[in-house]
Amino acid sequence: MKQSGRYRTSDLPEAQYQPGSRGRVLLNLQGIKSKRELDRVEAEAHIRALHEFLSIFSRDHRFSSADIARMHRIWLGGIYEWAGKYRQVNISKGGFTFAVATQIPRLMEELDKGILRSKTPCLFTGESSVAEALAVVHTELILIHPFREGNGRIARMLATLMAVQAGYPPLDFGGIRGKTKEAYFEAIQAGLDRNYEPMKEIFNEVLGRTVSISSKL
């Protein structure tokens, strides 16, 4: 197994590192060797992609696994050759192993026909109901971890698009740090037992923070 700053992966093409990056930057189409520079490029592409998604997806759109792959490709397509494609390597983080790569197509199909169909479009009324929908979709998508990189950010973008469908402003995740970040990781693990309450609490806080900040603008 190779060790990266965040993930342990098997030595397959998706795990190749940019020559000259000292094993800190994944092989990319722009030849970027600095992690700081790659983070900046990804972040700028993330902002552009979210603006595009907000114009693409309507309030009554039912999200699908194909939409998620498309979003990933639009966001990272100019950076990674494998953007929008399900990963073929097994990955883990902090001792926690995500879904086995060979199971991802099946798991994403199940997500498509099950949770995404029942929770989107996110037209629920009441903060608690919206938080529950966001929590379930977010947790299950993170547990699958369908892509080599960017799973948390693509899951947050999807949560934002769902929240906008429910009438909220784009979500502010700035409060997920420190102890709340630890609680977030614990909430992901609770999802293994289909316990979404911890993540629902996280999203209740995110929704409340978002509304509070929006009201001051």
N, C-alpha and C. Protein backbone atom coordinates (compact mmCIF):
# COMPACT_ATOMS: atom_id res chain seq x y z
N MET A 1 0.84 -1.20 0.00
CA MET A 1 0.00 0.00 0.00
C MET A 1 0.88 1.25 0.00
N LYS A 2 0.46 2.26 -0.75
CA LYS A 2 1.15 3.54 -0.72
C LYS A 2 0.47 4.46 0.28
N GLN A 3 1.23 5.35 0.84
CA GLN A 3 0.69 6.28 1.83
C GLN A 3 0.68 7.69 1.25
N SER A 4 -0.48 8.34 1.28
CA SER A 4 -0.56 9.75 0.90
C SER A 4 -0.88 10.54 2.15
N GLY A 5 -1.01 11.85 2.02
CA GLY A 5 -1.31 12.67 3.17
C GLY A 5 -2.67 12.38 3.75
N ARG A 6 -3.59 11.89 2.91
CA ARG A 6 -4.95 11.69 3.39
C ARG A 6 -5.42 10.24 3.24
N TYR A 7 -4.99 9.57 2.16
CA TYR A 7 -5.53 8.26 1.90
C TYR A 7 -4.43 7.22 1.68
N ARG A 8 -4.73 5.99 2.02
CA ARG A 8 -3.88 4.88 1.65
C ARG A 8 -4.54 4.21 0.46
N THR A 9 -3.83 3.98 -0.61
CA THR A 9 -4.41 3.39 -1.80
C THR A 9 -3.48 2.35 -2.37
N SER A 10 -4.03 1.43 -3.15
CA SER A 10 -3.21 0.46 -3.85
C SER A 10 -2.52 1.16 -5.01
N ASP A 11 -1.46 0.57 -5.47
CA ASP A 11 -0.62 1.21 -6.48
C ASP A 11 -1.19 1.00 -7.88
N LEU A 12 -2.26 1.72 -8.19
CA LEU A 12 -2.90 1.69 -9.50
C LEU A 12 -2.81 3.08 -10.13
N PRO A 13 -3.13 3.22 -11.43
CA PRO A 13 -2.99 4.52 -12.11
C PRO A 13 -3.59 5.70 -11.36
N GLU A 14 -4.75 5.54 -10.76
CA GLU A 14 -5.38 6.66 -10.05
C GLU A 14 -4.56 7.13 -8.86
N ALA A 15 -3.64 6.28 -8.41
CA ALA A 15 -2.84 6.62 -7.23
C ALA A 15 -1.48 7.19 -7.61
N GLN A 16 -1.27 7.44 -8.89
CA GLN A 16 0.02 7.98 -9.31
C GLN A 16 0.17 9.43 -8.85
N TYR A 17 1.40 9.78 -8.51
CA TYR A 17 1.67 11.14 -8.05
C TYR A 17 2.42 11.94 -9.10
N GLN A 18 2.23 13.23 -9.07
CA GLN A 18 2.88 14.11 -10.02
C GLN A 18 4.39 14.06 -9.83
N PRO A 19 5.14 13.77 -10.88
CA PRO A 19 6.61 13.77 -10.76
C PRO A 19 7.10 15.10 -10.20
N GLY A 20 7.98 15.01 -9.23
CA GLY A 20 8.54 16.21 -8.63
C GLY A 20 7.74 16.76 -7.47
N SER A 21 6.64 16.08 -7.11
CA SER A 21 5.79 16.58 -6.01
C SER A 21 6.11 15.90 -4.68
N ARG A 22 7.10 15.03 -4.67
CA ARG A 22 7.49 14.29 -3.47
C ARG A 22 6.32 13.48 -2.89
N GLY A 23 5.48 12.99 -3.80
CA GLY A 23 4.37 12.14 -3.38
C GLY A 23 3.27 12.86 -2.65
N ARG A 24 3.15 14.17 -2.83
CA ARG A 24 2.14 14.94 -2.12
C ARG A 24 1.00 15.40 -3.01
N VAL A 25 1.18 15.31 -4.34
CA VAL A 25 0.18 15.80 -5.28
C VAL A 25 -0.15 14.70 -6.29
N LEU A 26 -1.43 14.42 -6.46
CA LEU A 26 -1.84 13.41 -7.42
C LEU A 26 -1.52 13.85 -8.85
N LEU A 27 -1.23 12.89 -9.70
CA LEU A 27 -0.96 13.18 -11.10
C LEU A 27 -2.12 13.98 -11.68
N ASN A 28 -1.81 15.11 -12.29
CA ASN A 28 -2.87 15.98 -12.77
C ASN A 28 -2.56 16.52 -14.16
N LEU A 29 -3.61 16.98 -14.83
CA LEU A 29 -3.49 17.43 -16.22
C LEU A 29 -2.75 18.74 -16.37
N GLN A 30 -2.62 19.48 -15.28
CA GLN A 30 -1.97 20.79 -15.35
C GLN A 30 -0.51 20.75 -14.92
N GLY A 31 -0.04 19.56 -14.55
CA GLY A 31 1.36 19.42 -14.16
C GLY A 31 1.71 20.14 -12.88
N ILE A 32 0.73 20.36 -12.02
CA ILE A 32 0.96 21.08 -10.76
C ILE A 32 1.71 20.18 -9.78
N LYS A 33 2.77 20.71 -9.18
CA LYS A 33 3.58 19.93 -8.24
C LYS A 33 3.38 20.36 -6.79
N SER A 34 2.86 21.56 -6.58
CA SER A 34 2.67 22.11 -5.24
C SER A 34 1.27 21.80 -4.73
N LYS A 35 1.19 21.24 -3.53
CA LYS A 35 -0.11 20.94 -2.94
C LYS A 35 -0.90 22.22 -2.70
N ARG A 36 -0.23 23.27 -2.27
CA ARG A 36 -0.91 24.54 -2.03
C ARG A 36 -1.53 25.08 -3.33
N GLU A 37 -0.77 24.97 -4.42
CA GLU A 37 -1.27 25.44 -5.71
C GLU A 37 -2.43 24.59 -6.20
N LEU A 38 -2.33 23.27 -6.01
CA LEU A 38 -3.41 22.39 -6.44
C LEU A 38 -4.67 22.66 -5.62
N ASP A 39 -4.51 22.88 -4.32
CA ASP A 39 -5.67 23.20 -3.47
C ASP A 39 -6.34 24.49 -3.97
N ARG A 40 -5.53 25.46 -4.36
CA ARG A 40 -6.09 26.73 -4.85
C ARG A 40 -6.85 26.52 -6.15
N VAL A 41 -6.27 25.76 -7.07
CA VAL A 41 -6.92 25.51 -8.36
C VAL A 41 -8.21 24.73 -8.16
N GLU A 42 -8.20 23.73 -7.29
CA GLU A 42 -9.41 22.96 -7.01
C GLU A 42 -10.49 23.85 -6.39
N ALA A 43 -10.08 24.72 -5.46
CA ALA A 43 -11.04 25.59 -4.78
C ALA A 43 -11.69 26.57 -5.75
N GLU A 44 -10.89 27.14 -6.64
CA GLU A 44 -11.44 28.07 -7.63
C GLU A 44 -12.39 27.35 -8.58
N ALA A 45 -12.02 26.15 -8.99
CA ALA A 45 -12.89 25.36 -9.87
C ALA A 45 -14.18 24.98 -9.14
N HIS A 46 -14.07 24.76 -7.83
CA HIS A 46 -15.21 24.40 -7.01
C HIS A 46 -16.24 25.53 -7.00
N ILE A 47 -15.77 26.76 -6.82
CA ILE A 47 -16.67 27.92 -6.80
C ILE A 47 -17.37 28.08 -8.14
N ARG A 48 -16.60 27.97 -9.23
CA ARG A 48 -17.20 28.09 -10.57
C ARG A 48 -18.22 27.00 -10.81
N ALA A 49 -17.89 25.77 -10.39
CA ALA A 49 -18.78 24.64 -10.61
C ALA A 49 -20.09 24.81 -9.85
N LEU A 50 -20.02 25.24 -8.59
CA LEU A 50 -21.23 25.41 -7.80
C LEU A 50 -22.15 26.46 -8.43
N HIS A 51 -21.59 27.55 -8.90
CA HIS A 51 -22.40 28.57 -9.58
C HIS A 51 -23.09 27.97 -10.81
N GLU A 52 -22.35 27.13 -11.54
CA GLU A 52 -22.93 26.50 -12.72
C GLU A 52 -24.05 25.54 -12.33
N PHE A 53 -23.83 24.77 -11.27
CA PHE A 53 -24.85 23.81 -10.83
C PHE A 53 -26.13 24.50 -10.39
N LEU A 54 -25.98 25.65 -9.74
CA LEU A 54 -27.15 26.39 -9.28
C LEU A 54 -28.02 26.86 -10.44
N SER A 55 -27.41 27.01 -11.61
CA SER A 55 -28.18 27.41 -12.79
C SER A 55 -28.67 26.21 -13.60
N ILE A 56 -27.99 25.08 -13.45
CA ILE A 56 -28.35 23.88 -14.22
C ILE A 56 -29.56 23.17 -13.62
N PHE A 57 -29.53 22.96 -12.30
CA PHE A 57 -30.52 22.11 -11.64
C PHE A 57 -31.68 22.93 -11.09
N SER A 58 -32.88 22.57 -11.49
CA SER A 58 -34.07 23.30 -11.08
C SER A 58 -34.53 22.86 -9.69
N ARG A 59 -35.49 23.59 -9.18
CA ARG A 59 -36.01 23.30 -7.84
C ARG A 59 -36.70 21.94 -7.78
N ASP A 60 -37.24 21.47 -8.89
CA ASP A 60 -37.95 20.19 -8.87
C ASP A 60 -37.13 19.05 -9.50
N HIS A 61 -35.82 19.24 -9.59
CA HIS A 61 -34.98 18.22 -10.20
C HIS A 61 -34.74 17.05 -9.24
N ARG A 62 -34.90 15.84 -9.74
CA ARG A 62 -34.55 14.66 -8.94
C ARG A 62 -33.11 14.27 -9.27
N PHE A 63 -32.26 14.36 -8.28
CA PHE A 63 -30.85 14.07 -8.50
C PHE A 63 -30.63 12.57 -8.69
N SER A 64 -29.64 12.24 -9.49
CA SER A 64 -29.32 10.85 -9.80
C SER A 64 -27.82 10.62 -9.64
N SER A 65 -27.43 9.36 -9.69
CA SER A 65 -26.00 9.03 -9.63
C SER A 65 -25.28 9.62 -10.84
N ALA A 66 -25.96 9.68 -11.98
CA ALA A 66 -25.37 10.28 -13.18
C ALA A 66 -25.11 11.77 -12.97
N ASP A 67 -26.02 12.45 -12.26
CA ASP A 67 -25.82 13.87 -11.96
C ASP A 67 -24.57 14.06 -11.09
N ILE A 68 -24.39 13.17 -10.12
CA ILE A 68 -23.25 13.29 -9.21
C ILE A 68 -21.94 13.11 -9.98
N ALA A 69 -21.91 12.13 -10.90
CA ALA A 69 -20.72 11.92 -11.72
C ALA A 69 -20.48 13.12 -12.63
N ARG A 70 -21.55 13.67 -13.17
CA ARG A 70 -21.44 14.85 -14.03
C ARG A 70 -20.91 16.04 -13.26
N MET A 71 -21.39 16.24 -12.06
CA MET A 71 -20.92 17.33 -11.22
C MET A 71 -19.43 17.20 -10.94
N HIS A 72 -19.01 16.00 -10.63
CA HIS A 72 -17.60 15.74 -10.35
C HIS A 72 -16.74 16.03 -11.58
N ARG A 73 -17.25 15.64 -12.74
CA ARG A 73 -16.51 15.85 -14.00
C ARG A 73 -16.42 17.33 -14.35
N ILE A 74 -17.53 18.07 -14.16
CA ILE A 74 -17.52 19.51 -14.45
C ILE A 74 -16.54 20.23 -13.52
N TRP A 75 -16.54 19.83 -12.26
CA TRP A 75 -15.68 20.48 -11.28
C TRP A 75 -14.19 20.17 -11.52
N LEU A 76 -13.85 18.89 -11.67
CA LEU A 76 -12.44 18.50 -11.68
C LEU A 76 -11.93 18.03 -13.05
N GLY A 77 -12.78 18.13 -14.07
CA GLY A 77 -12.40 17.64 -15.39
C GLY A 77 -11.18 18.30 -15.99
N GLY A 78 -10.91 19.54 -15.61
CA GLY A 78 -9.74 20.23 -16.13
C GLY A 78 -8.49 19.96 -15.32
N ILE A 79 -8.64 19.13 -14.28
CA ILE A 79 -7.52 18.88 -13.37
C ILE A 79 -7.09 17.42 -13.38
N TYR A 80 -8.07 16.51 -13.38
CA TYR A 80 -7.76 15.08 -13.32
C TYR A 80 -8.39 14.32 -14.49
N GLU A 81 -7.65 13.41 -15.05
CA GLU A 81 -8.15 12.60 -16.15
C GLU A 81 -9.34 11.74 -15.73
N TRP A 82 -9.36 11.32 -14.47
CA TRP A 82 -10.38 10.40 -13.99
C TRP A 82 -11.59 11.11 -13.37
N ALA A 83 -11.68 12.40 -13.52
CA ALA A 83 -12.82 13.15 -12.96
C ALA A 83 -14.14 12.61 -13.51
N GLY A 84 -15.09 12.41 -12.64
CA GLY A 84 -16.41 11.92 -13.05
C GLY A 84 -16.50 10.42 -13.18
N LYS A 85 -15.38 9.71 -12.96
CA LYS A 85 -15.37 8.26 -13.06
C LYS A 85 -15.25 7.65 -11.67
N TYR A 86 -15.97 6.56 -11.45
CA TYR A 86 -15.88 5.89 -10.17
C TYR A 86 -14.46 5.36 -9.96
N ARG A 87 -14.01 5.47 -8.72
CA ARG A 87 -12.65 5.02 -8.42
C ARG A 87 -12.51 3.50 -8.59
N GLN A 88 -11.28 3.10 -8.87
CA GLN A 88 -10.97 1.69 -9.00
C GLN A 88 -9.98 1.23 -7.95
N VAL A 89 -9.73 2.09 -6.99
CA VAL A 89 -8.82 1.75 -5.90
C VAL A 89 -9.58 1.79 -4.59
N ASN A 90 -9.15 0.98 -3.65
CA ASN A 90 -9.73 1.00 -2.31
C ASN A 90 -9.01 2.07 -1.50
N ILE A 91 -9.77 2.83 -0.72
CA ILE A 91 -9.16 3.90 0.06
C ILE A 91 -9.68 3.88 1.49
N SER A 92 -8.86 4.41 2.39
CA SER A 92 -9.24 4.51 3.79
C SER A 92 -8.70 5.82 4.33
N LYS A 93 -9.27 6.25 5.42
CA LYS A 93 -8.87 7.51 6.04
C LYS A 93 -8.93 7.37 7.55
N GLY A 94 -7.81 7.62 8.20
CA GLY A 94 -7.78 7.54 9.65
C GLY A 94 -8.21 6.18 10.18
N GLY A 95 -7.88 5.13 9.45
CA GLY A 95 -8.25 3.79 9.87
C GLY A 95 -9.64 3.36 9.47
N PHE A 96 -10.40 4.26 8.84
CA PHE A 96 -11.76 3.96 8.42
C PHE A 96 -11.75 3.64 6.93
N THR A 97 -12.24 2.46 6.55
CA THR A 97 -12.23 2.03 5.16
C THR A 97 -13.59 2.30 4.52
N PHE A 98 -13.57 2.95 3.37
CA PHE A 98 -14.80 3.24 2.64
C PHE A 98 -15.18 2.03 1.79
N ALA A 99 -16.29 2.15 1.07
CA ALA A 99 -16.80 1.03 0.28
C ALA A 99 -15.72 0.48 -0.66
N VAL A 100 -15.73 -0.84 -0.81
CA VAL A 100 -14.79 -1.50 -1.72
C VAL A 100 -15.07 -1.02 -3.15
N ALA A 101 -14.01 -0.72 -3.88
CA ALA A 101 -14.14 -0.11 -5.21
C ALA A 101 -15.02 -0.93 -6.15
N THR A 102 -14.91 -2.25 -6.11
CA THR A 102 -15.69 -3.09 -7.02
C THR A 102 -17.19 -3.00 -6.76
N GLN A 103 -17.57 -2.52 -5.57
CA GLN A 103 -18.99 -2.45 -5.21
C GLN A 103 -19.61 -1.09 -5.53
N ILE A 104 -18.79 -0.13 -5.93
CA ILE A 104 -19.29 1.23 -6.11
C ILE A 104 -20.40 1.34 -7.16
N PRO A 105 -20.27 0.75 -8.36
CA PRO A 105 -21.36 0.87 -9.34
C PRO A 105 -22.69 0.36 -8.78
N ARG A 106 -22.65 -0.77 -8.07
CA ARG A 106 -23.89 -1.31 -7.49
C ARG A 106 -24.43 -0.40 -6.40
N LEU A 107 -23.55 0.09 -5.54
CA LEU A 107 -23.98 0.95 -4.44
C LEU A 107 -24.55 2.28 -4.95
N MET A 108 -23.94 2.82 -6.00
CA MET A 108 -24.45 4.07 -6.57
C MET A 108 -25.80 3.86 -7.25
N GLU A 109 -25.97 2.70 -7.85
CA GLU A 109 -27.27 2.39 -8.47
C GLU A 109 -28.34 2.28 -7.39
N GLU A 110 -27.99 1.66 -6.27
CA GLU A 110 -28.93 1.54 -5.15
C GLU A 110 -29.25 2.91 -4.57
N LEU A 111 -28.24 3.77 -4.47
CA LEU A 111 -28.45 5.13 -3.98
C LEU A 111 -29.41 5.86 -4.92
N ASP A 112 -29.21 5.65 -6.21
CA ASP A 112 -30.04 6.29 -7.24
C ASP A 112 -31.50 5.88 -7.11
N LYS A 113 -31.73 4.58 -7.02
CA LYS A 113 -33.09 4.05 -7.01
C LYS A 113 -33.76 4.16 -5.65
N GLY A 114 -32.97 4.37 -4.61
CA GLY A 114 -33.52 4.43 -3.27
C GLY A 114 -33.55 5.82 -2.68
N ILE A 115 -32.48 6.18 -2.00
CA ILE A 115 -32.45 7.43 -1.24
C ILE A 115 -32.58 8.67 -2.11
N LEU A 116 -31.87 8.71 -3.24
CA LEU A 116 -31.97 9.90 -4.09
C LEU A 116 -33.38 10.07 -4.64
N ARG A 117 -34.04 8.95 -4.90
CA ARG A 117 -35.40 9.02 -5.43
C ARG A 117 -36.39 9.48 -4.36
N SER A 118 -36.13 9.11 -3.12
CA SER A 118 -37.07 9.47 -2.05
C SER A 118 -36.78 10.83 -1.42
N LYS A 119 -35.54 11.27 -1.50
CA LYS A 119 -35.15 12.52 -0.82
C LYS A 119 -34.98 13.71 -1.76
N THR A 120 -35.03 13.47 -3.07
CA THR A 120 -34.94 14.58 -4.02
C THR A 120 -36.06 14.45 -5.04
N PRO A 121 -36.59 15.58 -5.55
CA PRO A 121 -36.20 16.93 -5.15
C PRO A 121 -36.49 17.19 -3.67
N CYS A 122 -35.67 18.01 -3.06
CA CYS A 122 -35.78 18.26 -1.62
C CYS A 122 -36.79 19.39 -1.39
N LEU A 123 -38.05 19.01 -1.40
CA LEU A 123 -39.12 19.99 -1.26
C LEU A 123 -39.82 19.87 0.10
N PHE A 124 -39.08 19.35 1.07
CA PHE A 124 -39.64 19.16 2.40
C PHE A 124 -39.81 20.52 3.09
N THR A 125 -40.79 20.57 3.98
CA THR A 125 -41.03 21.79 4.74
C THR A 125 -40.61 21.57 6.19
N GLY A 126 -40.05 22.56 6.80
CA GLY A 126 -39.59 22.44 8.18
C GLY A 126 -38.12 22.07 8.23
N GLU A 127 -37.38 22.78 9.06
CA GLU A 127 -35.93 22.57 9.13
C GLU A 127 -35.56 21.15 9.48
N SER A 128 -36.32 20.52 10.37
CA SER A 128 -36.01 19.15 10.80
C SER A 128 -36.10 18.17 9.64
N SER A 129 -37.14 18.31 8.82
CA SER A 129 -37.32 17.41 7.68
C SER A 129 -36.24 17.62 6.63
N VAL A 130 -35.88 18.87 6.40
CA VAL A 130 -34.82 19.17 5.43
C VAL A 130 -33.49 18.62 5.94
N ALA A 131 -33.20 18.84 7.22
CA ALA A 131 -31.96 18.35 7.80
C ALA A 131 -31.87 16.83 7.71
N GLU A 132 -32.99 16.15 7.90
CA GLU A 132 -32.99 14.69 7.81
C GLU A 132 -32.66 14.24 6.39
N ALA A 133 -33.28 14.87 5.40
CA ALA A 133 -33.02 14.51 3.99
C ALA A 133 -31.55 14.73 3.65
N LEU A 134 -31.01 15.87 4.05
CA LEU A 134 -29.61 16.17 3.78
C LEU A 134 -28.70 15.17 4.48
N ALA A 135 -29.03 14.84 5.71
CA ALA A 135 -28.20 13.92 6.50
C ALA A 135 -28.13 12.54 5.87
N VAL A 136 -29.26 12.02 5.45
CA VAL A 136 -29.31 10.67 4.88
C VAL A 136 -28.51 10.60 3.58
N VAL A 137 -28.78 11.54 2.67
CA VAL A 137 -28.09 11.53 1.38
C VAL A 137 -26.59 11.76 1.58
N HIS A 138 -26.24 12.73 2.39
CA HIS A 138 -24.83 13.07 2.61
C HIS A 138 -24.07 11.88 3.21
N THR A 139 -24.63 11.28 4.24
CA THR A 139 -23.96 10.18 4.92
C THR A 139 -23.74 9.00 3.97
N GLU A 140 -24.77 8.61 3.25
CA GLU A 140 -24.64 7.46 2.37
C GLU A 140 -23.66 7.71 1.23
N LEU A 141 -23.65 8.92 0.69
CA LEU A 141 -22.71 9.24 -0.38
C LEU A 141 -21.27 9.22 0.12
N ILE A 142 -21.05 9.76 1.31
CA ILE A 142 -19.70 9.76 1.88
C ILE A 142 -19.24 8.33 2.16
N LEU A 143 -20.13 7.49 2.67
CA LEU A 143 -19.75 6.11 2.96
C LEU A 143 -19.36 5.35 1.69
N ILE A 144 -20.03 5.65 0.59
CA ILE A 144 -19.67 5.01 -0.68
C ILE A 144 -18.35 5.57 -1.18
N HIS A 145 -18.15 6.88 -1.05
CA HIS A 145 -16.90 7.54 -1.49
C HIS A 145 -16.60 7.14 -2.93
N PRO A 146 -17.46 7.51 -3.87
CA PRO A 146 -17.35 6.95 -5.22
C PRO A 146 -16.14 7.39 -6.04
N PHE A 147 -15.51 8.49 -5.66
CA PHE A 147 -14.43 9.03 -6.49
C PHE A 147 -13.07 8.97 -5.78
N ARG A 148 -12.04 9.07 -6.55
CA ARG A 148 -10.67 9.02 -6.00
C ARG A 148 -10.38 10.21 -5.11
N GLU A 149 -10.97 11.34 -5.43
CA GLU A 149 -10.71 12.58 -4.68
C GLU A 149 -11.94 13.47 -4.77
N GLY A 150 -12.16 14.29 -3.74
CA GLY A 150 -13.22 15.29 -3.78
C GLY A 150 -14.58 14.81 -3.32
N ASN A 151 -14.65 13.69 -2.63
CA ASN A 151 -15.95 13.15 -2.22
C ASN A 151 -16.67 14.03 -1.22
N GLY A 152 -15.95 14.53 -0.22
CA GLY A 152 -16.59 15.39 0.77
C GLY A 152 -17.12 16.67 0.15
N ARG A 153 -16.34 17.24 -0.73
CA ARG A 153 -16.76 18.50 -1.36
C ARG A 153 -17.92 18.30 -2.32
N ILE A 154 -17.92 17.20 -3.06
CA ILE A 154 -19.04 16.96 -3.98
C ILE A 154 -20.30 16.66 -3.17
N ALA A 155 -20.15 16.00 -2.02
CA ALA A 155 -21.30 15.72 -1.16
C ALA A 155 -21.85 17.00 -0.56
N ARG A 156 -20.96 17.94 -0.22
CA ARG A 156 -21.42 19.22 0.31
C ARG A 156 -22.09 20.06 -0.77
N MET A 157 -21.59 19.97 -2.00
CA MET A 157 -22.25 20.68 -3.09
C MET A 157 -23.65 20.13 -3.33
N LEU A 158 -23.79 18.81 -3.28
CA LEU A 158 -25.11 18.21 -3.46
C LEU A 158 -26.04 18.63 -2.34
N ALA A 159 -25.54 18.66 -1.11
CA ALA A 159 -26.35 19.10 0.02
C ALA A 159 -26.80 20.55 -0.17
N THR A 160 -25.91 21.38 -0.69
CA THR A 160 -26.25 22.78 -0.96
C THR A 160 -27.36 22.89 -1.99
N LEU A 161 -27.24 22.12 -3.06
CA LEU A 161 -28.25 22.15 -4.12
C LEU A 161 -29.60 21.67 -3.59
N MET A 162 -29.59 20.65 -2.73
CA MET A 162 -30.83 20.17 -2.13
C MET A 162 -31.43 21.23 -1.21
N ALA A 163 -30.57 21.89 -0.42
CA ALA A 163 -31.06 22.92 0.49
C ALA A 163 -31.68 24.08 -0.28
N VAL A 164 -31.07 24.44 -1.40
CA VAL A 164 -31.62 25.51 -2.23
C VAL A 164 -32.99 25.10 -2.76
N GLN A 165 -33.16 23.84 -3.10
CA GLN A 165 -34.47 23.35 -3.53
C GLN A 165 -35.51 23.57 -2.43
N ALA A 166 -35.08 23.45 -1.18
CA ALA A 166 -35.99 23.61 -0.05
C ALA A 166 -36.18 25.07 0.35
N GLY A 167 -35.54 25.97 -0.39
CA GLY A 167 -35.73 27.39 -0.14
C GLY A 167 -34.67 28.05 0.71
N TYR A 168 -33.58 27.35 0.99
CA TYR A 168 -32.50 27.92 1.79
C TYR A 168 -31.45 28.57 0.90
N PRO A 169 -30.67 29.48 1.47
CA PRO A 169 -29.53 30.02 0.72
C PRO A 169 -28.46 28.92 0.60
N PRO A 170 -27.45 29.10 -0.26
CA PRO A 170 -26.34 28.14 -0.32
C PRO A 170 -25.75 27.93 1.08
N LEU A 171 -25.50 26.70 1.41
CA LEU A 171 -25.10 26.36 2.77
C LEU A 171 -23.72 26.87 3.16
N ASP A 172 -23.60 27.25 4.41
CA ASP A 172 -22.33 27.68 4.98
C ASP A 172 -21.84 26.56 5.92
N PHE A 173 -20.75 25.89 5.51
CA PHE A 173 -20.21 24.79 6.31
C PHE A 173 -19.06 25.24 7.19
N GLY A 174 -18.90 26.56 7.33
CA GLY A 174 -17.77 27.09 8.08
C GLY A 174 -17.73 26.69 9.55
N GLY A 175 -18.88 26.27 10.07
CA GLY A 175 -18.93 25.89 11.48
C GLY A 175 -18.42 24.50 11.76
N ILE A 176 -18.13 23.73 10.72
CA ILE A 176 -17.66 22.35 10.92
C ILE A 176 -16.15 22.37 11.10
N ARG A 177 -15.73 22.60 12.31
CA ARG A 177 -14.32 22.61 12.66
C ARG A 177 -14.19 22.31 14.14
N GLY A 178 -12.98 21.96 14.56
CA GLY A 178 -12.77 21.64 15.96
C GLY A 178 -13.59 20.44 16.41
N LYS A 179 -14.29 20.60 17.53
CA LYS A 179 -15.10 19.51 18.07
C LYS A 179 -16.25 19.13 17.14
N THR A 180 -16.77 20.13 16.42
CA THR A 180 -17.86 19.83 15.48
C THR A 180 -17.36 18.96 14.35
N LYS A 181 -16.11 19.17 13.93
CA LYS A 181 -15.54 18.33 12.88
C LYS A 181 -15.37 16.90 13.37
N GLU A 182 -14.96 16.75 14.62
CA GLU A 182 -14.85 15.41 15.20
C GLU A 182 -16.22 14.75 15.24
N ALA A 183 -17.23 15.53 15.62
CA ALA A 183 -18.61 15.00 15.67
C ALA A 183 -19.08 14.61 14.27
N TYR A 184 -18.64 15.37 13.28
CA TYR A 184 -19.00 15.07 11.88
C TYR A 184 -18.47 13.70 11.48
N PHE A 185 -17.20 13.42 11.77
CA PHE A 185 -16.63 12.12 11.42
C PHE A 185 -17.31 10.99 12.19
N GLU A 186 -17.68 11.25 13.42
CA GLU A 186 -18.40 10.25 14.20
C GLU A 186 -19.78 10.01 13.60
N ALA A 187 -20.41 11.07 13.08
CA ALA A 187 -21.72 10.94 12.45
C ALA A 187 -21.66 10.10 11.19
N ILE A 188 -20.56 10.23 10.44
CA ILE A 188 -20.37 9.40 9.25
C ILE A 188 -20.32 7.93 9.66
N GLN A 189 -19.56 7.62 10.68
CA GLN A 189 -19.44 6.24 11.12
C GLN A 189 -20.75 5.70 11.67
N ALA A 190 -21.54 6.56 12.31
CA ALA A 190 -22.85 6.14 12.81
C ALA A 190 -23.74 5.70 11.66
N GLY A 191 -23.51 6.27 10.49
CA GLY A 191 -24.30 5.91 9.31
C GLY A 191 -24.13 4.48 8.88
N LEU A 192 -23.07 3.83 9.32
CA LEU A 192 -22.87 2.41 8.99
C LEU A 192 -24.02 1.58 9.55
N ASP A 193 -24.60 2.05 10.64
CA ASP A 193 -25.74 1.36 11.27
C ASP A 193 -27.06 2.02 10.92
N ARG A 194 -27.06 2.83 9.84
CA ARG A 194 -28.25 3.56 9.40
C ARG A 194 -28.77 4.50 10.49
N ASN A 195 -27.86 4.93 11.34
CA ASN A 195 -28.20 5.92 12.36
C ASN A 195 -27.82 7.29 11.82
N TYR A 196 -28.81 8.05 11.39
CA TYR A 196 -28.56 9.34 10.77
C TYR A 196 -28.78 10.52 11.72
N GLU A 197 -29.17 10.24 12.95
CA GLU A 197 -29.46 11.31 13.90
C GLU A 197 -28.26 12.22 14.17
N PRO A 198 -27.05 11.65 14.38
CA PRO A 198 -25.90 12.53 14.60
C PRO A 198 -25.65 13.47 13.42
N MET A 199 -25.78 12.96 12.20
CA MET A 199 -25.58 13.83 11.04
C MET A 199 -26.72 14.82 10.90
N LYS A 200 -27.91 14.43 11.29
CA LYS A 200 -29.04 15.35 11.25
C LYS A 200 -28.78 16.54 12.17
N GLU A 201 -28.18 16.28 13.34
CA GLU A 201 -27.83 17.36 14.26
C GLU A 201 -26.82 18.31 13.61
N ILE A 202 -25.86 17.73 12.90
CA ILE A 202 -24.87 18.55 12.21
C ILE A 202 -25.55 19.48 11.20
N PHE A 203 -26.47 18.91 10.41
CA PHE A 203 -27.13 19.71 9.38
C PHE A 203 -28.13 20.70 9.97
N ASN A 204 -28.70 20.37 11.11
CA ASN A 204 -29.53 21.37 11.79
C ASN A 204 -28.70 22.61 12.13
N GLU A 205 -27.46 22.37 12.59
CA GLU A 205 -26.57 23.48 12.91
C GLU A 205 -26.17 24.24 11.65
N VAL A 206 -25.89 23.50 10.57
CA VAL A 206 -25.49 24.14 9.31
C VAL A 206 -26.62 25.01 8.77
N LEU A 207 -27.83 24.48 8.79
CA LEU A 207 -28.98 25.24 8.31
C LEU A 207 -29.20 26.49 9.16
N GLY A 208 -29.12 26.33 10.47
CA GLY A 208 -29.30 27.48 11.36
C GLY A 208 -28.24 28.53 11.14
N ARG A 209 -27.00 28.10 10.99
CA ARG A 209 -25.90 29.04 10.75
C ARG A 209 -26.10 29.76 9.42
N THR A 210 -26.52 29.00 8.40
CA THR A 210 -26.72 29.59 7.08
C THR A 210 -27.78 30.67 7.11
N VAL A 211 -28.90 30.37 7.74
CA VAL A 211 -30.01 31.34 7.83
C VAL A 211 -29.57 32.57 8.62
N SER A 212 -28.84 32.33 9.70
CA SER A 212 -28.39 33.45 10.54
C SER A 212 -27.45 34.39 9.79
N ILE A 213 -26.50 33.80 9.08
CA ILE A 213 -25.54 34.61 8.33
C ILE A 213 -26.25 35.34 7.18
N SER A 214 -27.17 34.64 6.51
CA SER A 214 -27.89 35.23 5.37
C SER A 214 -28.73 36.42 5.82
N SER A 215 -29.29 36.33 7.02
CA SER A 215 -30.16 37.41 7.50
C SER A 215 -29.39 38.69 7.82
N LYS A 216 -28.05 38.55 7.97
CA LYS A 216 -27.23 39.71 8.33
C LYS A 216 -26.65 40.38 7.10
N LEU A 217 -26.81 39.73 5.96
CA LEU A 217 -26.23 40.29 4.72
C LEU A 217 -27.11 41.41 4.15
